[in-house]
């Protein structure tokens, strides 16, 4: 599991929300009028073949109206604090400052797991400190999930499962994260993408998924409604693909893709045997399973009693 890639995707997809949540102290004025550009991650090399430093997500924030000078936000996700190097981060920031000829650089580090990490770096002697460096840090593991249940910031809601909560709050955390996604994101593809993100960090067991459907019927119903709309969209995409590949084959591929996505949303990671069964199924079976996935409590219920 590449947590770097997961967070990189989220930050690039939702840059304003990420700055507002992870770098709240520097978020003033980062409104809808600003232009935010992801920039190249690897720094230019003095010689080809040399090692280079790579950032998770550098974002250049510009104010087209000129009311503020551009600011470069340097986001770094760190899963295990013991692997974090403040010296490496300082190198990143100095490289970027030189490359873009700016001193307006804001380093931000997101920590997923607890552990010790240096927050400040000072170089010098008894006489003087010649270089002092620190960064904004967001320790997700230390934030109380309950404090963010009603947040209107989508990134804050998506990261609820990575925050601190009691074991008996797990399903409520999952429900609030999912509810936030459905309320704050309207794009079907983004919804599907970040339902997967929520599932990864919530890591519900099959029994927990059954309990979730029982305790949160409204959220489960909302998910079913979204799932039905996504099925219809997938069929339409399959028809479009079928123009070039043959109508029947295109529809079946679209239905199989959507069914696999829905199964993963409901039941988590799928066995290879299930994937192979879906991908090789005929249109009648795919349609039958697609109607059952919305109400079934287990994978066996989806595939039991064939059409």
C-alpha atoms as a PDB file:
ATOM      1  CA  UNK A   1       0.000   0.000   0.000  1.00  0.00           C
ATOM      2  CA  UNK A   2       1.455   3.339  -1.095  1.00  0.00           C
ATOM      3  CA  UNK A   3       0.149   5.905   1.356  1.00  0.00           C
ATOM      4  CA  UNK A   4       2.271   8.513  -0.424  1.00  0.00           C
ATOM      5  CA  UNK A   5       0.319   7.919  -3.629  1.00  0.00           C
ATOM      6  CA  UNK A   6      -3.036   7.921  -1.833  1.00  0.00           C
ATOM      7  CA  UNK A   7      -2.382  11.282  -0.213  1.00  0.00           C
ATOM      8  CA  UNK A   8      -0.712  12.680  -3.324  1.00  0.00           C
ATOM      9  CA  UNK A   9      -3.886  11.967  -5.295  1.00  0.00           C
ATOM     10  CA  UNK A  10      -6.094  13.540  -2.649  1.00  0.00           C
ATOM     11  CA  UNK A  11      -3.971  16.693  -2.339  1.00  0.00           C
ATOM     12  CA  UNK A  12      -3.790  17.191  -6.118  1.00  0.00           C
ATOM     13  CA  UNK A  13      -7.542  16.540  -6.528  1.00  0.00           C
ATOM     14  CA  UNK A  14      -8.484  18.834  -3.609  1.00  0.00           C
ATOM     15  CA  UNK A  15      -5.652  21.383  -3.239  1.00  0.00           C
ATOM     16  CA  UNK A  16      -7.658  24.183  -1.582  1.00  0.00           C
ATOM     17  CA  UNK A  17      -9.226  21.824   0.932  1.00  0.00           C
ATOM     18  CA  UNK A  18      -5.811  20.277   1.654  1.00  0.00           C
ATOM     19  CA  UNK A  19      -4.203  23.649   2.321  1.00  0.00           C
ATOM     20  CA  UNK A  20      -7.134  24.706   4.523  1.00  0.00           C
ATOM     21  CA  UNK A  21      -6.892  21.531   6.614  1.00  0.00           C
ATOM     22  CA  UNK A  22      -3.232  20.508   6.683  1.00  0.00           C
ATOM     23  CA  UNK A  23      -1.803  24.061   6.587  1.00  0.00           C
ATOM     24  CA  UNK A  24      -4.513  26.056   8.343  1.00  0.00           C
ATOM     25  CA  UNK A  25      -2.050  28.660   9.681  1.00  0.00           C
ATOM     26  CA  UNK A  26      -1.128  29.625   6.106  1.00  0.00           C
ATOM     27  CA  UNK A  27      -4.517  29.200   4.426  1.00  0.00           C
ATOM     28  CA  UNK A  28      -5.725  32.803   4.739  1.00  0.00           C
ATOM     29  CA  UNK A  29      -6.548  34.185   1.322  1.00  0.00           C
ATOM     30  CA  UNK A  30      -6.335  30.821  -0.463  1.00  0.00           C
ATOM     31  CA  UNK A  31      -9.820  31.190  -1.903  1.00  0.00           C
ATOM     32  CA  UNK A  32     -11.598  30.311  -5.139  1.00  0.00           C
ATOM     33  CA  UNK A  33      -9.800  33.146  -6.976  1.00  0.00           C
ATOM     34  CA  UNK A  34      -6.298  31.688  -6.604  1.00  0.00           C
ATOM     35  CA  UNK A  35      -4.613  29.491  -9.195  1.00  0.00           C
ATOM     36  CA  UNK A  36      -3.015  26.314  -7.810  1.00  0.00           C
ATOM     37  CA  UNK A  37      -0.531  24.411  -9.946  1.00  0.00           C
ATOM     38  CA  UNK A  38       1.134  21.083  -9.058  1.00  0.00           C
ATOM     39  CA  UNK A  39       4.784  21.313 -10.095  1.00  0.00           C
ATOM     40  CA  UNK A  40       7.428  18.754 -10.994  1.00  0.00           C
ATOM     41  CA  UNK A  41       8.366  16.635  -8.003  1.00  0.00           C
ATOM     42  CA  UNK A  42      11.975  15.747  -8.764  1.00  0.00           C
ATOM     43  CA  UNK A  43      14.473  18.558  -8.525  1.00  0.00           C
ATOM     44  CA  UNK A  44      16.770  19.399 -11.431  1.00  0.00           C
ATOM     45  CA  UNK A  45      20.137  17.664 -11.288  1.00  0.00           C
ATOM     46  CA  UNK A  46      23.488  19.350 -11.721  1.00  0.00           C
ATOM     47  CA  UNK A  47      24.657  16.212 -13.523  1.00  0.00           C
ATOM     48  CA  UNK A  48      22.655  13.494 -15.221  1.00  0.00           C
ATOM     49  CA  UNK A  49      22.723  10.213 -13.340  1.00  0.00           C
ATOM     50  CA  UNK A  50      22.959  11.843  -9.903  1.00  0.00           C
ATOM     51  CA  UNK A  51      20.408  11.029  -7.253  1.00  0.00           C
ATOM     52  CA  UNK A  52      17.605  13.531  -6.943  1.00  0.00           C
ATOM     53  CA  UNK A  53      15.261  14.503  -4.137  1.00  0.00           C
ATOM     54  CA  UNK A  54      11.578  13.871  -4.783  1.00  0.00           C
ATOM     55  CA  UNK A  55       8.712  15.623  -3.043  1.00  0.00           C
ATOM     56  CA  UNK A  56       5.252  14.204  -2.400  1.00  0.00           C
ATOM     57  CA  UNK A  57       3.285  17.222  -3.645  1.00  0.00           C
ATOM     58  CA  UNK A  58       4.681  20.718  -4.291  1.00  0.00           C
ATOM     59  CA  UNK A  59       1.848  23.176  -5.069  1.00  0.00           C
ATOM     60  CA  UNK A  60       2.409  26.662  -6.450  1.00  0.00           C
ATOM     61  CA  UNK A  61      -0.338  29.043  -5.281  1.00  0.00           C
ATOM     62  CA  UNK A  62      -0.704  32.225  -7.327  1.00  0.00           C
ATOM     63  CA  UNK A  63      -2.990  35.249  -6.962  1.00  0.00           C
ATOM     64  CA  UNK A  64      -3.798  36.464 -10.505  1.00  0.00           C
ATOM     65  CA  UNK A  65      -5.011  39.822  -9.172  1.00  0.00           C
ATOM     66  CA  UNK A  66      -1.592  40.492  -7.644  1.00  0.00           C
ATOM     67  CA  UNK A  67      -2.840  41.058  -4.089  1.00  0.00           C
ATOM     68  CA  UNK A  68      -0.258  38.567  -2.793  1.00  0.00           C
ATOM     69  CA  UNK A  69       2.983  37.136  -4.093  1.00  0.00           C
ATOM     70  CA  UNK A  70       2.960  33.466  -5.036  1.00  0.00           C
ATOM     71  CA  UNK A  71       3.544  30.890  -2.293  1.00  0.00           C
ATOM     72  CA  UNK A  72       4.969  27.406  -2.747  1.00  0.00           C
ATOM     73  CA  UNK A  73       3.427  24.748  -0.477  1.00  0.00           C
ATOM     74  CA  UNK A  74       5.576  21.653   0.000  1.00  0.00           C
ATOM     75  CA  UNK A  75       3.452  18.707   1.194  1.00  0.00           C
ATOM     76  CA  UNK A  76       5.096  15.559   2.511  1.00  0.00           C
ATOM     77  CA  UNK A  77       3.198  12.504   3.792  1.00  0.00           C
ATOM     78  CA  UNK A  78       5.121  10.395   6.309  1.00  0.00           C
ATOM     79  CA  UNK A  79       3.634   7.079   7.362  1.00  0.00           C
ATOM     80  CA  UNK A  80       6.302   6.133   9.924  1.00  0.00           C
ATOM     81  CA  UNK A  81       7.814   9.112  11.822  1.00  0.00           C
ATOM     82  CA  UNK A  82      11.085   7.227  12.361  1.00  0.00           C
ATOM     83  CA  UNK A  83      11.718   7.510   8.625  1.00  0.00           C
ATOM     84  CA  UNK A  84      11.207  11.271   8.564  1.00  0.00           C
ATOM     85  CA  UNK A  85      14.279  13.447   8.087  1.00  0.00           C
ATOM     86  CA  UNK A  86      14.023  17.147   8.829  1.00  0.00           C
ATOM     87  CA  UNK A  87      17.372  17.606   7.064  1.00  0.00           C
ATOM     88  CA  UNK A  88      15.958  16.090   3.884  1.00  0.00           C
ATOM     89  CA  UNK A  89      12.890  18.325   4.093  1.00  0.00           C
ATOM     90  CA  UNK A  90      15.104  21.390   4.557  1.00  0.00           C
ATOM     91  CA  UNK A  91      17.032  20.328   1.441  1.00  0.00           C
ATOM     92  CA  UNK A  92      13.754  20.064  -0.490  1.00  0.00           C
ATOM     93  CA  UNK A  93      12.707  23.543   0.494  1.00  0.00           C
ATOM     94  CA  UNK A  94      16.093  25.131  -0.253  1.00  0.00           C
ATOM     95  CA  UNK A  95      16.193  23.423  -3.650  1.00  0.00           C
ATOM     96  CA  UNK A  96      12.748  24.756  -4.510  1.00  0.00           C
ATOM     97  CA  UNK A  97      13.545  28.228  -3.244  1.00  0.00           C
ATOM     98  CA  UNK A  98      16.578  28.330  -5.536  1.00  0.00           C
ATOM     99  CA  UNK A  99      14.784  26.760  -8.489  1.00  0.00           C
ATOM    100  CA  UNK A 100      11.844  29.180  -8.352  1.00  0.00           C
ATOM    101  CA  UNK A 101      13.858  32.139  -7.079  1.00  0.00           C
ATOM    102  CA  UNK A 102      11.581  32.668  -4.081  1.00  0.00           C
ATOM    103  CA  UNK A 103      11.735  32.735  -0.308  1.00  0.00           C
ATOM    104  CA  UNK A 104       7.991  32.131   0.020  1.00  0.00           C
ATOM    105  CA  UNK A 105       8.001  28.401   0.779  1.00  0.00           C
ATOM    106  CA  UNK A 106       5.676  26.661   3.270  1.00  0.00           C
ATOM    107  CA  UNK A 107       6.691  23.094   4.241  1.00  0.00           C
ATOM    108  CA  UNK A 108       3.887  20.841   5.524  1.00  0.00           C
ATOM    109  CA  UNK A 109       4.280  17.278   6.841  1.00  0.00           C
ATOM    110  CA  UNK A 110       1.364  14.874   7.439  1.00  0.00           C
ATOM    111  CA  UNK A 111       2.084  12.097   9.948  1.00  0.00           C
ATOM    112  CA  UNK A 112      -0.158   9.014   9.889  1.00  0.00           C
ATOM    113  CA  UNK A 113       1.288   7.029  12.792  1.00  0.00           C
ATOM    114  CA  UNK A 114       2.605   8.056  16.221  1.00  0.00           C
ATOM    115  CA  UNK A 115       6.302   8.285  16.927  1.00  0.00           C
ATOM    116  CA  UNK A 116       9.108  10.732  17.546  1.00  0.00           C
ATOM    117  CA  UNK A 117      10.022  13.285  14.909  1.00  0.00           C
ATOM    118  CA  UNK A 118      12.124  16.446  15.021  1.00  0.00           C
ATOM    119  CA  UNK A 119      10.107  19.628  14.657  1.00  0.00           C
ATOM    120  CA  UNK A 120      12.958  22.155  14.424  1.00  0.00           C
ATOM    121  CA  UNK A 121      16.454  22.327  12.978  1.00  0.00           C
ATOM    122  CA  UNK A 122      19.056  24.884  14.055  1.00  0.00           C
ATOM    123  CA  UNK A 123      22.603  25.087  12.698  1.00  0.00           C
ATOM    124  CA  UNK A 124      25.285  27.223  14.286  1.00  0.00           C
ATOM    125  CA  UNK A 125      27.558  27.517  17.295  1.00  0.00           C
ATOM    126  CA  UNK A 126      27.564  29.030  20.769  1.00  0.00           C
ATOM    127  CA  UNK A 127      27.913  32.434  19.173  1.00  0.00           C
ATOM    128  CA  UNK A 128      25.105  32.372  16.634  1.00  0.00           C
ATOM    129  CA  UNK A 129      22.366  30.338  14.987  1.00  0.00           C
ATOM    130  CA  UNK A 130      23.048  30.581  11.263  1.00  0.00           C
ATOM    131  CA  UNK A 131      20.141  28.554   9.980  1.00  0.00           C
ATOM    132  CA  UNK A 132      16.826  27.859  11.684  1.00  0.00           C
ATOM    133  CA  UNK A 133      14.151  25.704  10.060  1.00  0.00           C
ATOM    134  CA  UNK A 134      10.761  24.357  11.096  1.00  0.00           C
ATOM    135  CA  UNK A 135       7.589  23.273   9.321  1.00  0.00           C
ATOM    136  CA  UNK A 136       3.832  22.931   9.757  1.00  0.00           C
ATOM    137  CA  UNK A 137       2.885  19.443  10.862  1.00  0.00           C
ATOM    138  CA  UNK A 138      -0.447  17.651  11.001  1.00  0.00           C
ATOM    139  CA  UNK A 139      -0.428  14.575  13.231  1.00  0.00           C
ATOM    140  CA  UNK A 140      -3.588  12.823  12.009  1.00  0.00           C
ATOM    141  CA  UNK A 141      -3.235  10.043  14.575  1.00  0.00           C
ATOM    142  CA  UNK A 142      -3.556  12.600  17.393  1.00  0.00           C
ATOM    143  CA  UNK A 143      -6.617  14.465  16.104  1.00  0.00           C
ATOM    144  CA  UNK A 144      -9.979  13.507  17.617  1.00  0.00           C
ATOM    145  CA  UNK A 145     -12.147  12.209  14.794  1.00  0.00           C
ATOM    146  CA  UNK A 146     -15.316  13.275  16.593  1.00  0.00           C
ATOM    147  CA  UNK A 147     -14.233  16.924  16.452  1.00  0.00           C
ATOM    148  CA  UNK A 148     -14.347  16.754  12.640  1.00  0.00           C
ATOM    149  CA  UNK A 149     -17.655  14.942  12.150  1.00  0.00           C
ATOM    150  CA  UNK A 150     -19.472  18.071  10.938  1.00  0.00           C
ATOM    151  CA  UNK A 151     -16.628  19.604   8.939  1.00  0.00           C
ATOM    152  CA  UNK A 152     -17.483  21.013   5.504  1.00  0.00           C
ATOM    153  CA  UNK A 153     -13.898  20.401   4.371  1.00  0.00           C
ATOM    154  CA  UNK A 154     -13.932  17.257   2.236  1.00  0.00           C
ATOM    155  CA  UNK A 155     -10.276  16.397   2.927  1.00  0.00           C
ATOM    156  CA  UNK A 156     -10.922  16.567   6.669  1.00  0.00           C
ATOM    157  CA  UNK A 157     -13.879  14.207   6.295  1.00  0.00           C
ATOM    158  CA  UNK A 158     -11.976  11.776   4.062  1.00  0.00           C
ATOM    159  CA  UNK A 159      -9.172  11.447   6.615  1.00  0.00           C
ATOM    160  CA  UNK A 160     -11.492  10.705   9.564  1.00  0.00           C
ATOM    161  CA  UNK A 161     -10.541   6.982   9.614  1.00  0.00           C
ATOM    162  CA  UNK A 162      -6.880   7.988  10.098  1.00  0.00           C
ATOM    163  CA  UNK A 163      -7.698  10.040  13.209  1.00  0.00           C
ATOM    164  CA  UNK A 164      -8.076   8.957  16.835  1.00  0.00           C
ATOM    165  CA  UNK A 165     -11.294   7.305  17.997  1.00  0.00           C
ATOM    166  CA  UNK A 166     -12.470   4.660  20.445  1.00  0.00           C
ATOM    167  CA  UNK A 167     -13.065   1.136  19.061  1.00  0.00           C
ATOM    168  CA  UNK A 168     -16.837   1.492  19.505  1.00  0.00           C
ATOM    169  CA  UNK A 169     -16.771   4.678  17.374  1.00  0.00           C
ATOM    170  CA  UNK A 170     -15.317   3.008  14.288  1.00  0.00           C
ATOM    171  CA  UNK A 171     -18.594   2.555  12.413  1.00  0.00           C
ATOM    172  CA  UNK A 172     -19.690   6.105  13.203  1.00  0.00           C
ATOM    173  CA  UNK A 173     -16.365   7.409  11.891  1.00  0.00           C
ATOM    174  CA  UNK A 174     -16.880   5.425   8.688  1.00  0.00           C
ATOM    175  CA  UNK A 175     -20.435   6.732   8.361  1.00  0.00           C
ATOM    176  CA  UNK A 176     -19.365  10.356   8.837  1.00  0.00           C
ATOM    177  CA  UNK A 177     -16.552  10.018   6.301  1.00  0.00           C
ATOM    178  CA  UNK A 178     -18.883   8.457   3.731  1.00  0.00           C
ATOM    179  CA  UNK A 179     -21.623  10.993   4.435  1.00  0.00           C
ATOM    180  CA  UNK A 180     -19.151  13.830   3.956  1.00  0.00           C
ATOM    181  CA  UNK A 181     -18.057  12.413   0.605  1.00  0.00           C
ATOM    182  CA  UNK A 182     -21.626  12.081  -0.648  1.00  0.00           C
ATOM    183  CA  UNK A 183     -22.538  15.582   0.568  1.00  0.00           C
ATOM    184  CA  UNK A 184     -19.447  17.432  -0.595  1.00  0.00           C
ATOM    185  CA  UNK A 185     -18.517  15.641  -3.833  1.00  0.00           C
ATOM    186  CA  UNK A 186     -20.954  15.312  -6.732  1.00  0.00           C
ATOM    187  CA  UNK A 187     -18.694  13.793  -9.373  1.00  0.00           C
ATOM    188  CA  UNK A 188     -19.402  10.018  -9.665  1.00  0.00           C
ATOM    189  CA  UNK A 189     -15.834   9.064 -10.572  1.00  0.00           C
ATOM    190  CA  UNK A 190     -14.404  11.061  -7.665  1.00  0.00           C
ATOM    191  CA  UNK A 191     -16.958   9.504  -5.326  1.00  0.00           C
ATOM    192  CA  UNK A 192     -15.923   6.027  -6.367  1.00  0.00           C
ATOM    193  CA  UNK A 193     -12.231   6.916  -6.108  1.00  0.00           C
ATOM    194  CA  UNK A 194     -12.493   8.297  -2.567  1.00  0.00           C
ATOM    195  CA  UNK A 195     -14.896   5.681  -1.273  1.00  0.00           C
ATOM    196  CA  UNK A 196     -11.947   3.411  -1.964  1.00  0.00           C
ATOM    197  CA  UNK A 197      -9.717   5.846  -0.019  1.00  0.00           C
ATOM    198  CA  UNK A 198     -12.096   5.727   2.978  1.00  0.00           C
ATOM    199  CA  UNK A 199     -12.279   1.925   2.812  1.00  0.00           C
ATOM    200  CA  UNK A 200      -8.498   1.595   2.819  1.00  0.00           C
ATOM    201  CA  UNK A 201      -8.057   3.541   6.053  1.00  0.00           C
ATOM    202  CA  UNK A 202     -11.235   2.346   7.794  1.00  0.00           C
ATOM    203  CA  UNK A 203     -10.371  -1.295   6.984  1.00  0.00           C
ATOM    204  CA  UNK A 204     -13.770  -2.699   8.006  1.00  0.00           C
ATOM    205  CA  UNK A 205     -14.132  -6.432   8.490  1.00  0.00           C
ATOM    206  CA  UNK A 206     -17.023  -8.277   6.858  1.00  0.00           C
ATOM    207  CA  UNK A 207     -18.883  -8.356  10.188  1.00  0.00           C
ATOM    208  CA  UNK A 208     -18.330  -4.628  10.650  1.00  0.00           C
ATOM    209  CA  UNK A 209     -19.797  -3.996   7.204  1.00  0.00           C
ATOM    210  CA  UNK A 210     -22.887  -5.990   8.140  1.00  0.00           C
ATOM    211  CA  UNK A 211     -23.246  -4.000  11.380  1.00  0.00           C
ATOM    212  CA  UNK A 212     -22.733  -0.752   9.462  1.00  0.00           C
ATOM    213  CA  UNK A 213     -25.651  -1.546   7.144  1.00  0.00           C
ATOM    214  CA  UNK A 214     -27.817  -2.349  10.170  1.00  0.00           C
ATOM    215  CA  UNK A 215     -26.897   0.687  12.281  1.00  0.00           C
ATOM    216  CA  UNK A 216     -26.758   3.256   9.486  1.00  0.00           C
ATOM    217  CA  UNK A 217     -29.602   2.321   7.128  1.00  0.00           C
ATOM    218  CA  UNK A 218     -29.908   5.866   5.753  1.00  0.00           C
ATOM    219  CA  UNK A 219     -26.241   6.019   4.804  1.00  0.00           C
ATOM    220  CA  UNK A 220     -26.504   2.511   3.342  1.00  0.00           C
ATOM    221  CA  UNK A 221     -29.569   3.601   1.359  1.00  0.00           C
ATOM    222  CA  UNK A 222     -27.740   6.683   0.083  1.00  0.00           C
ATOM    223  CA  UNK A 223     -24.871   4.467  -0.990  1.00  0.00           C
ATOM    224  CA  UNK A 224     -27.302   2.139  -2.746  1.00  0.00           C
ATOM    225  CA  UNK A 225     -28.815   5.088  -4.623  1.00  0.00           C
ATOM    226  CA  UNK A 226     -25.362   6.219  -5.714  1.00  0.00           C
ATOM    227  CA  UNK A 227     -24.489   2.655  -6.651  1.00  0.00           C
ATOM    228  CA  UNK A 228     -27.601   2.372  -8.825  1.00  0.00           C
ATOM    229  CA  UNK A 229     -26.791   5.608 -10.639  1.00  0.00           C
ATOM    230  CA  UNK A 230     -23.219   4.410 -11.141  1.00  0.00           C
ATOM    231  CA  UNK A 231     -24.486   1.138 -12.587  1.00  0.00           C
ATOM    232  CA  UNK A 232     -26.530   3.099 -15.119  1.00  0.00           C
ATOM    233  CA  UNK A 233     -23.539   5.278 -15.945  1.00  0.00           C
ATOM    234  CA  UNK A 234     -21.336   2.211 -16.380  1.00  0.00           C
ATOM    235  CA  UNK A 235     -23.848   0.644 -18.756  1.00  0.00           C
ATOM    236  CA  UNK A 236     -23.868   3.843 -20.808  1.00  0.00           C
ATOM    237  CA  UNK A 237     -20.061   3.810 -20.935  1.00  0.00           C
ATOM    238  CA  UNK A 238     -20.175   0.174 -21.954  1.00  0.00           C
ATOM    239  CA  UNK A 239     -22.507   1.021 -24.827  1.00  0.00           C
ATOM    240  CA  UNK A 240     -20.120   3.757 -25.975  1.00  0.00           C
ATOM    241  CA  UNK A 241     -17.240   1.290 -25.893  1.00  0.00           C
ATOM    242  CA  UNK A 242     -19.423  -1.170 -27.753  1.00  0.00           C
ATOM    243  CA  UNK A 243     -19.601   1.124 -30.780  1.00  0.00           C
ATOM    244  CA  UNK A 244     -16.017   0.136 -31.539  1.00  0.00           C
ATOM    245  CA  UNK A 245     -15.863  -3.314 -29.957  1.00  0.00           C
ATOM    246  CA  UNK A 246     -19.329  -4.697 -30.619  1.00  0.00           C
ATOM    247  CA  UNK A 247     -22.388  -3.590 -28.666  1.00  0.00           C
ATOM    248  CA  UNK A 248     -22.915  -6.712 -26.590  1.00  0.00           C
ATOM    249  CA  UNK A 249     -19.265  -7.089 -25.595  1.00  0.00           C
ATOM    250  CA  UNK A 250     -18.985  -3.384 -24.714  1.00  0.00           C
ATOM    251  CA  UNK A 251     -22.045  -3.464 -22.461  1.00  0.00           C
ATOM    252  CA  UNK A 252     -20.838  -6.589 -20.649  1.00  0.00           C
ATOM    253  CA  UNK A 253     -17.412  -5.070 -20.022  1.00  0.00           C
ATOM    254  CA  UNK A 254     -19.010  -1.899 -18.664  1.00  0.00           C
ATOM    255  CA  UNK A 255     -21.332  -3.897 -16.396  1.00  0.00           C
ATOM    256  CA  UNK A 256     -18.474  -6.095 -15.157  1.00  0.00           C
ATOM    257  CA  UNK A 257     -16.342  -3.021 -14.341  1.00  0.00           C
ATOM    258  CA  UNK A 258     -19.152  -1.399 -12.394  1.00  0.00           C
ATOM    259  CA  UNK A 259     -20.094  -4.608 -10.551  1.00  0.00           C
ATOM    260  CA  UNK A 260     -16.480  -5.132  -9.419  1.00  0.00           C
ATOM    261  CA  UNK A 261     -16.347  -1.531  -8.176  1.00  0.00           C
ATOM    262  CA  UNK A 262     -19.582  -1.949  -6.208  1.00  0.00           C
ATOM    263  CA  UNK A 263     -18.479  -5.261  -4.727  1.00  0.00           C
ATOM    264  CA  UNK A 264     -15.281  -3.627  -3.495  1.00  0.00           C
ATOM    265  CA  UNK A 265     -17.235  -0.728  -1.964  1.00  0.00           C
ATOM    266  CA  UNK A 266     -19.533  -3.126  -0.102  1.00  0.00           C
ATOM    267  CA  UNK A 267     -17.156  -5.936   0.857  1.00  0.00           C
ATOM    268  CA  UNK A 268     -13.586  -4.645   0.574  1.00  0.00           C
ATOM    269  CA  UNK A 269     -10.777  -6.335  -1.382  1.00  0.00           C
ATOM    270  CA  UNK A 270     -12.047  -9.128  -3.628  1.00  0.00           C
ATOM    271  CA  UNK A 271     -10.548 -12.617  -4.117  1.00  0.00           C
ATOM    272  CA  UNK A 272      -9.115 -13.317  -7.550  1.00  0.00           C
ATOM    273  CA  UNK A 273     -11.741 -16.032  -8.006  1.00  0.00           C
ATOM    274  CA  UNK A 274     -14.527 -13.456  -7.687  1.00  0.00           C
ATOM    275  CA  UNK A 275     -12.869 -11.092 -10.161  1.00  0.00           C
ATOM    276  CA  UNK A 276     -12.430 -13.897 -12.698  1.00  0.00           C
ATOM    277  CA  UNK A 277     -16.019 -15.027 -12.249  1.00  0.00           C
ATOM    278  CA  UNK A 278     -17.381 -11.516 -12.856  1.00  0.00           C
ATOM    279  CA  UNK A 279     -15.115 -10.765 -15.823  1.00  0.00           C
ATOM    280  CA  UNK A 280     -16.072 -14.006 -17.576  1.00  0.00           C
ATOM    281  CA  UNK A 281     -19.810 -13.873 -16.791  1.00  0.00           C
ATOM    282  CA  UNK A 282     -22.585 -13.436 -19.355  1.00  0.00           C
ATOM    283  CA  UNK A 283     -24.869 -10.388 -19.467  1.00  0.00           C
ATOM    284  CA  UNK A 284     -27.753 -12.157 -17.647  1.00  0.00           C
ATOM    285  CA  UNK A 285     -25.560 -13.093 -14.668  1.00  0.00           C
ATOM    286  CA  UNK A 286     -24.034  -9.611 -14.433  1.00  0.00           C
ATOM    287  CA  UNK A 287     -27.465  -7.998 -14.359  1.00  0.00           C
ATOM    288  CA  UNK A 288     -28.702 -10.438 -11.696  1.00  0.00           C
ATOM    289  CA  UNK A 289     -25.664  -9.928  -9.447  1.00  0.00           C
ATOM    290  CA  UNK A 290     -25.833  -6.138  -9.874  1.00  0.00           C
ATOM    291  CA  UNK A 291     -29.354  -6.070  -8.454  1.00  0.00           C
ATOM    292  CA  UNK A 292     -28.362  -8.275  -5.492  1.00  0.00           C
ATOM    293  CA  UNK A 293     -25.225  -6.336  -4.529  1.00  0.00           C
ATOM    294  CA  UNK A 294     -27.303  -3.438  -3.207  1.00  0.00           C
ATOM    295  CA  UNK A 295     -29.031  -5.525  -0.524  1.00  0.00           C
ATOM    296  CA  UNK A 296     -26.748  -8.522   0.089  1.00  0.00           C
ATOM    297  CA  UNK A 297     -24.887  -8.707   3.386  1.00  0.00           C
ATOM    298  CA  UNK A 298     -22.105 -11.027   2.184  1.00  0.00           C
ATOM    299  CA  UNK A 299     -20.393 -12.016  -1.066  1.00  0.00           C
ATOM    300  CA  UNK A 300     -22.057 -15.446  -0.868  1.00  0.00           C
ATOM    301  CA  UNK A 301     -25.474 -13.767  -0.909  1.00  0.00           C
ATOM    302  CA  UNK A 302     -24.571 -11.870  -4.060  1.00  0.00           C
ATOM    303  CA  UNK A 303     -23.577 -14.977  -6.013  1.00  0.00           C
ATOM    304  CA  UNK A 304     -25.956 -17.524  -4.462  1.00  0.00           C
ATOM    305  CA  UNK A 305     -28.974 -18.872  -6.368  1.00  0.00           C
ATOM    306  CA  UNK A 306     -28.007 -18.048  -9.949  1.00  0.00           C
ATOM    307  CA  UNK A 307     -30.324 -16.312 -12.407  1.00  0.00           C
END
